[in-house]
Amino acid sequence: MTETKPRYKVTIRCSECGEKYILRGRPNSEGGYDTGFKRCVCGNETSFDIDVTPE
């Protein structure tokens, strides 16, 4: 049987335009969370406020 990692609610807010994204993610090997998020609609790829809570 495969072991599944717990899911987390990941809230990402862009520091440049203030856009807010609420996604689900799983922990990855680098210590972050895999959500599929790449960049904000304003083009920002680096400056975000991230909040993670268990689901």
PDB file of N, CA and C in Angstrom:
ATOM      1  N   MET A   1       0.837  -1.185   0.000  1.00  0.00           N
ATOM      2  CA  MET A   1       0.000   0.000   0.000  1.00  0.00           C
ATOM      3  C   MET A   1       0.884   1.251   0.000  1.00  0.00           C
ATOM      4  N   THR A   2       0.472   2.280  -0.693  1.00  0.00           N
ATOM      5  CA  THR A   2       1.278   3.506  -0.742  1.00  0.00           C
ATOM      6  C   THR A   2       0.969   4.403   0.445  1.00  0.00           C
ATOM      7  N   GLU A   3       1.995   5.046   0.922  1.00  0.00           N
ATOM      8  CA  GLU A   3       1.842   5.972   2.039  1.00  0.00           C
ATOM      9  C   GLU A   3       1.590   7.366   1.484  1.00  0.00           C
ATOM     10  N   THR A   4       0.530   8.019   1.951  1.00  0.00           N
ATOM     11  CA  THR A   4       0.231   9.374   1.483  1.00  0.00           C
ATOM     12  C   THR A   4       0.638  10.386   2.543  1.00  0.00           C
ATOM     13  N   LYS A   5       1.162  11.490   2.091  1.00  0.00           N
ATOM     14  CA  LYS A   5       1.552  12.569   2.995  1.00  0.00           C
ATOM     15  C   LYS A   5       0.321  13.391   3.336  1.00  0.00           C
ATOM     16  N   PRO A   6       0.271  13.972   4.528  1.00  0.00           N
ATOM     17  CA  PRO A   6      -0.888  14.801   4.890  1.00  0.00           C
ATOM     18  C   PRO A   6      -0.960  16.056   4.019  1.00  0.00           C
ATOM     19  N   ARG A   7      -2.177  16.532   3.795  1.00  0.00           N
ATOM     20  CA  ARG A   7      -2.362  17.750   3.005  1.00  0.00           C
ATOM     21  C   ARG A   7      -2.477  18.946   3.933  1.00  0.00           C
ATOM     22  N   TYR A   8      -2.085  20.105   3.411  1.00  0.00           N
ATOM     23  CA  TYR A   8      -2.124  21.349   4.158  1.00  0.00           C
ATOM     24  C   TYR A   8      -2.818  22.414   3.336  1.00  0.00           C
ATOM     25  N   LYS A   9      -3.461  23.353   4.025  1.00  0.00           N
ATOM     26  CA  LYS A   9      -4.049  24.526   3.373  1.00  0.00           C
ATOM     27  C   LYS A   9      -2.951  25.577   3.314  1.00  0.00           C
ATOM     28  N   VAL A  10      -2.583  25.986   2.116  1.00  0.00           N
ATOM     29  CA  VAL A  10      -1.499  26.944   1.909  1.00  0.00           C
ATOM     30  C   VAL A  10      -2.103  28.244   1.373  1.00  0.00           C
ATOM     31  N   THR A  11      -1.957  29.316   2.143  1.00  0.00           N
ATOM     32  CA  THR A  11      -2.443  30.630   1.728  1.00  0.00           C
ATOM     33  C   THR A  11      -1.243  31.456   1.283  1.00  0.00           C
ATOM     34  N   ILE A  12      -1.273  31.900   0.036  1.00  0.00           N
ATOM     35  CA  ILE A  12      -0.173  32.667  -0.543  1.00  0.00           C
ATOM     36  C   ILE A  12      -0.688  34.063  -0.870  1.00  0.00           C
ATOM     37  N   ARG A  13      -0.022  35.102  -0.355  1.00  0.00           N
ATOM     38  CA  ARG A  13      -0.385  36.488  -0.667  1.00  0.00           C
ATOM     39  C   ARG A  13       0.816  37.167  -1.312  1.00  0.00           C
ATOM     40  N   CYS A  14       0.593  37.773  -2.463  1.00  0.00           N
ATOM     41  CA  CYS A  14       1.646  38.477  -3.201  1.00  0.00           C
ATOM     42  C   CYS A  14       2.005  39.759  -2.457  1.00  0.00           C
ATOM     43  N   SER A  15       3.294  39.973  -2.234  1.00  0.00           N
ATOM     44  CA  SER A  15       3.763  41.177  -1.548  1.00  0.00           C
ATOM     45  C   SER A  15       3.728  42.408  -2.447  1.00  0.00           C
ATOM     46  N   GLU A  16       3.635  42.205  -3.755  1.00  0.00           N
ATOM     47  CA  GLU A  16       3.652  43.338  -4.681  1.00  0.00           C
ATOM     48  C   GLU A  16       2.252  43.879  -4.983  1.00  0.00           C
ATOM     49  N   CYS A  17       1.286  42.996  -5.295  1.00  0.00           N
ATOM     50  CA  CYS A  17      -0.041  43.478  -5.681  1.00  0.00           C
ATOM     51  C   CYS A  17      -1.133  43.132  -4.663  1.00  0.00           C
ATOM     52  N   GLY A  18      -0.841  42.229  -3.712  1.00  0.00           N
ATOM     53  CA  GLY A  18      -1.817  41.876  -2.683  1.00  0.00           C
ATOM     54  C   GLY A  18      -2.760  40.750  -3.061  1.00  0.00           C
ATOM     55  N   GLU A  19      -2.621  40.182  -4.247  1.00  0.00           N
ATOM     56  CA  GLU A  19      -3.477  39.066  -4.678  1.00  0.00           C
ATOM     57  C   GLU A  19      -3.312  37.892  -3.716  1.00  0.00           C
ATOM     58  N   LYS A  20      -4.417  37.184  -3.430  1.00  0.00           N
ATOM     59  CA  LYS A  20      -4.406  36.087  -2.459  1.00  0.00           C
ATOM     60  C   LYS A  20      -4.810  34.792  -3.140  1.00  0.00           C
ATOM     61  N   TYR A  21      -4.069  33.720  -2.872  1.00  0.00           N
ATOM     62  CA  TYR A  21      -4.344  32.394  -3.414  1.00  0.00           C
ATOM     63  C   TYR A  21      -4.471  31.415  -2.255  1.00  0.00           C
ATOM     64  N   ILE A  22      -5.490  30.574  -2.294  1.00  0.00           N
ATOM     65  CA  ILE A  22      -5.658  29.535  -1.276  1.00  0.00           C
ATOM     66  C   ILE A  22      -5.584  28.197  -2.005  1.00  0.00           C
ATOM     67  N   LEU A  23      -4.569  27.399  -1.652  1.00  0.00           N
ATOM     68  CA  LEU A  23      -4.303  26.137  -2.341  1.00  0.00           C
ATOM     69  C   LEU A  23      -4.141  25.007  -1.337  1.00  0.00           C
ATOM     70  N   ARG A  24      -4.159  23.783  -1.835  1.00  0.00           N
ATOM     71  CA  ARG A  24      -3.832  22.623  -1.013  1.00  0.00           C
ATOM     72  C   ARG A  24      -2.465  22.125  -1.448  1.00  0.00           C
ATOM     73  N   GLY A  25      -1.664  21.703  -0.465  1.00  0.00           N
ATOM     74  CA  GLY A  25      -0.332  21.224  -0.797  1.00  0.00           C
ATOM     75  C   GLY A  25       0.123  20.113   0.122  1.00  0.00           C
ATOM     76  N   ARG A  26       1.160  19.438  -0.312  1.00  0.00           N
ATOM     77  CA  ARG A  26       1.787  18.369   0.472  1.00  0.00           C
ATOM     78  C   ARG A  26       3.254  18.723   0.688  1.00  0.00           C
ATOM     79  N   PRO A  27       3.818  18.322   1.819  1.00  0.00           N
ATOM     80  CA  PRO A  27       5.235  18.620   2.082  1.00  0.00           C
ATOM     81  C   PRO A  27       6.137  17.987   1.021  1.00  0.00           C
ATOM     82  N   ASN A  28       7.210  18.696   0.653  1.00  0.00           N
ATOM     83  CA  ASN A  28       8.179  18.133  -0.292  1.00  0.00           C
ATOM     84  C   ASN A  28       9.515  17.911   0.411  1.00  0.00           C
ATOM     85  N   SER A  29      10.469  17.367  -0.298  1.00  0.00           N
ATOM     86  CA  SER A  29      11.765  17.004   0.292  1.00  0.00           C
ATOM     87  C   SER A  29      12.638  18.219   0.614  1.00  0.00           C
ATOM     88  N   GLU A  30      12.362  19.397   0.033  1.00  0.00           N
ATOM     89  CA  GLU A  30      13.151  20.599   0.305  1.00  0.00           C
ATOM     90  C   GLU A  30      12.653  21.372   1.524  1.00  0.00           C
ATOM     91  N   GLY A  31      11.592  20.898   2.172  1.00  0.00           N
ATOM     92  CA  GLY A  31      11.057  21.585   3.337  1.00  0.00           C
ATOM     93  C   GLY A  31       9.926  22.531   3.019  1.00  0.00           C
ATOM     94  N   GLY A  32       9.537  22.634   1.771  1.00  0.00           N
ATOM     95  CA  GLY A  32       8.426  23.486   1.364  1.00  0.00           C
ATOM     96  C   GLY A  32       7.182  22.657   1.131  1.00  0.00           C
ATOM     97  N   TYR A  33       6.264  23.197   0.321  1.00  0.00           N
ATOM     98  CA  TYR A  33       5.014  22.514   0.028  1.00  0.00           C
ATOM     99  C   TYR A  33       4.769  22.515  -1.472  1.00  0.00           C
ATOM    100  N   ASP A  34       4.356  21.366  -2.015  1.00  0.00           N
ATOM    101  CA  ASP A  34       4.025  21.253  -3.432  1.00  0.00           C
ATOM    102  C   ASP A  34       2.563  21.624  -3.632  1.00  0.00           C
ATOM    103  N   THR A  35       2.327  22.750  -4.312  1.00  0.00           N
ATOM    104  CA  THR A  35       0.967  23.210  -4.575  1.00  0.00           C
ATOM    105  C   THR A  35       0.713  23.379  -6.067  1.00  0.00           C
ATOM    106  N   GLY A  36       1.756  23.459  -6.863  1.00  0.00           N
ATOM    107  CA  GLY A  36       1.617  23.738  -8.282  1.00  0.00           C
ATOM    108  C   GLY A  36       1.675  25.222  -8.589  1.00  0.00           C
ATOM    109  N   PHE A  37       1.788  26.076  -7.562  1.00  0.00           N
ATOM    110  CA  PHE A  37       1.832  27.524  -7.753  1.00  0.00           C
ATOM    111  C   PHE A  37       3.179  27.928  -8.352  1.00  0.00           C
ATOM    112  N   LYS A  38       3.150  28.748  -9.395  1.00  0.00           N
ATOM    113  CA  LYS A  38       4.379  29.203 -10.053  1.00  0.00           C
ATOM    114  C   LYS A  38       4.625  30.698  -9.856  1.00  0.00           C
ATOM    115  N   ARG A  39       3.618  31.539 -10.176  1.00  0.00           N
ATOM    116  CA  ARG A  39       3.776  32.980 -10.049  1.00  0.00           C
ATOM    117  C   ARG A  39       2.417  33.657  -9.982  1.00  0.00           C
ATOM    118  N   CYS A  40       2.438  34.878  -9.514  1.00  0.00           N
ATOM    119  CA  CYS A  40       1.230  35.704  -9.384  1.00  0.00           C
ATOM    120  C   CYS A  40       0.819  36.230 -10.759  1.00  0.00           C
ATOM    121  N   VAL A  41      -0.420  36.680 -10.868  1.00  0.00           N
ATOM    122  CA  VAL A  41      -0.895  37.250 -12.128  1.00  0.00           C
ATOM    123  C   VAL A  41      -0.154  38.536 -12.498  1.00  0.00           C
ATOM    124  N   CYS A  42       0.466  39.208 -11.502  1.00  0.00           N
ATOM    125  CA  CYS A  42       1.221  40.434 -11.793  1.00  0.00           C
ATOM    126  C   CYS A  42       2.638  40.115 -12.296  1.00  0.00           C
ATOM    127  N   GLY A  43       3.030  38.840 -12.301  1.00  0.00           N
ATOM    128  CA  GLY A  43       4.347  38.452 -12.789  1.00  0.00           C
ATOM    129  C   GLY A  43       5.356  38.191 -11.684  1.00  0.00           C
ATOM    130  N   ASN A  44       5.015  38.463 -10.441  1.00  0.00           N
ATOM    131  CA  ASN A  44       5.913  38.243  -9.314  1.00  0.00           C
ATOM    132  C   ASN A  44       6.159  36.741  -9.125  1.00  0.00           C
ATOM    133  N   GLU A  45       7.424  36.346  -8.987  1.00  0.00           N
ATOM    134  CA  GLU A  45       7.774  34.942  -8.785  1.00  0.00           C
ATOM    135  C   GLU A  45       8.540  34.698  -7.489  1.00  0.00           C
ATOM    136  N   THR A  46       8.852  35.759  -6.720  1.00  0.00           N
ATOM    137  CA  THR A  46       9.736  35.562  -5.575  1.00  0.00           C
ATOM    138  C   THR A  46       9.237  36.108  -4.239  1.00  0.00           C
ATOM    139  N   SER A  47       8.473  37.162  -4.216  1.00  0.00           N
ATOM    140  CA  SER A  47       8.132  37.839  -2.971  1.00  0.00           C
ATOM    141  C   SER A  47       6.692  37.536  -2.545  1.00  0.00           C
ATOM    142  N   PHE A  48       6.532  36.550  -1.630  1.00  0.00           N
ATOM    143  CA  PHE A  48       5.210  36.139  -1.176  1.00  0.00           C
ATOM    144  C   PHE A  48       5.185  35.984   0.330  1.00  0.00           C
ATOM    145  N   ASP A  49       4.005  36.200   0.928  1.00  0.00           N
ATOM    146  CA  ASP A  49       3.758  35.870   2.323  1.00  0.00           C
ATOM    147  C   ASP A  49       2.991  34.556   2.299  1.00  0.00           C
ATOM    148  N   ILE A  50       3.537  33.511   2.943  1.00  0.00           N
ATOM    149  CA  ILE A  50       2.947  32.186   2.905  1.00  0.00           C
ATOM    150  C   ILE A  50       2.549  31.757   4.302  1.00  0.00           C
ATOM    151  N   ASP A  51       1.295  31.270   4.433  1.00  0.00           N
ATOM    152  CA  ASP A  51       0.772  30.772   5.696  1.00  0.00           C
ATOM    153  C   ASP A  51       0.278  29.347   5.462  1.00  0.00           C
ATOM    154  N   VAL A  52       0.705  28.407   6.327  1.00  0.00           N
ATOM    155  CA  VAL A  52       0.346  27.000   6.160  1.00  0.00           C
ATOM    156  C   VAL A  52      -0.381  26.515   7.410  1.00  0.00           C
ATOM    157  N   THR A  53      -1.529  25.841   7.198  1.00  0.00           N
ATOM    158  CA  THR A  53      -2.278  25.253   8.299  1.00  0.00           C
ATOM    159  C   THR A  53      -2.676  23.826   7.918  1.00  0.00           C
ATOM    160  N   PRO A  54      -2.739  22.917   8.889  1.00  0.00           N
ATOM    161  CA  PRO A  54      -3.167  21.540   8.583  1.00  0.00           C
ATOM    162  C   PRO A  54      -4.610  21.529   8.085  1.00  0.00           C
ATOM    163  N   GLU A  55      -4.909  20.590   7.224  1.00  0.00           N
ATOM    164  CA  GLU A  55      -6.260  20.503   6.673  1.00  0.00           C
ATOM    165  C   GLU A  55      -7.103  19.537   7.440  1.00  0.00           C
TER     166      GLU A  55
END
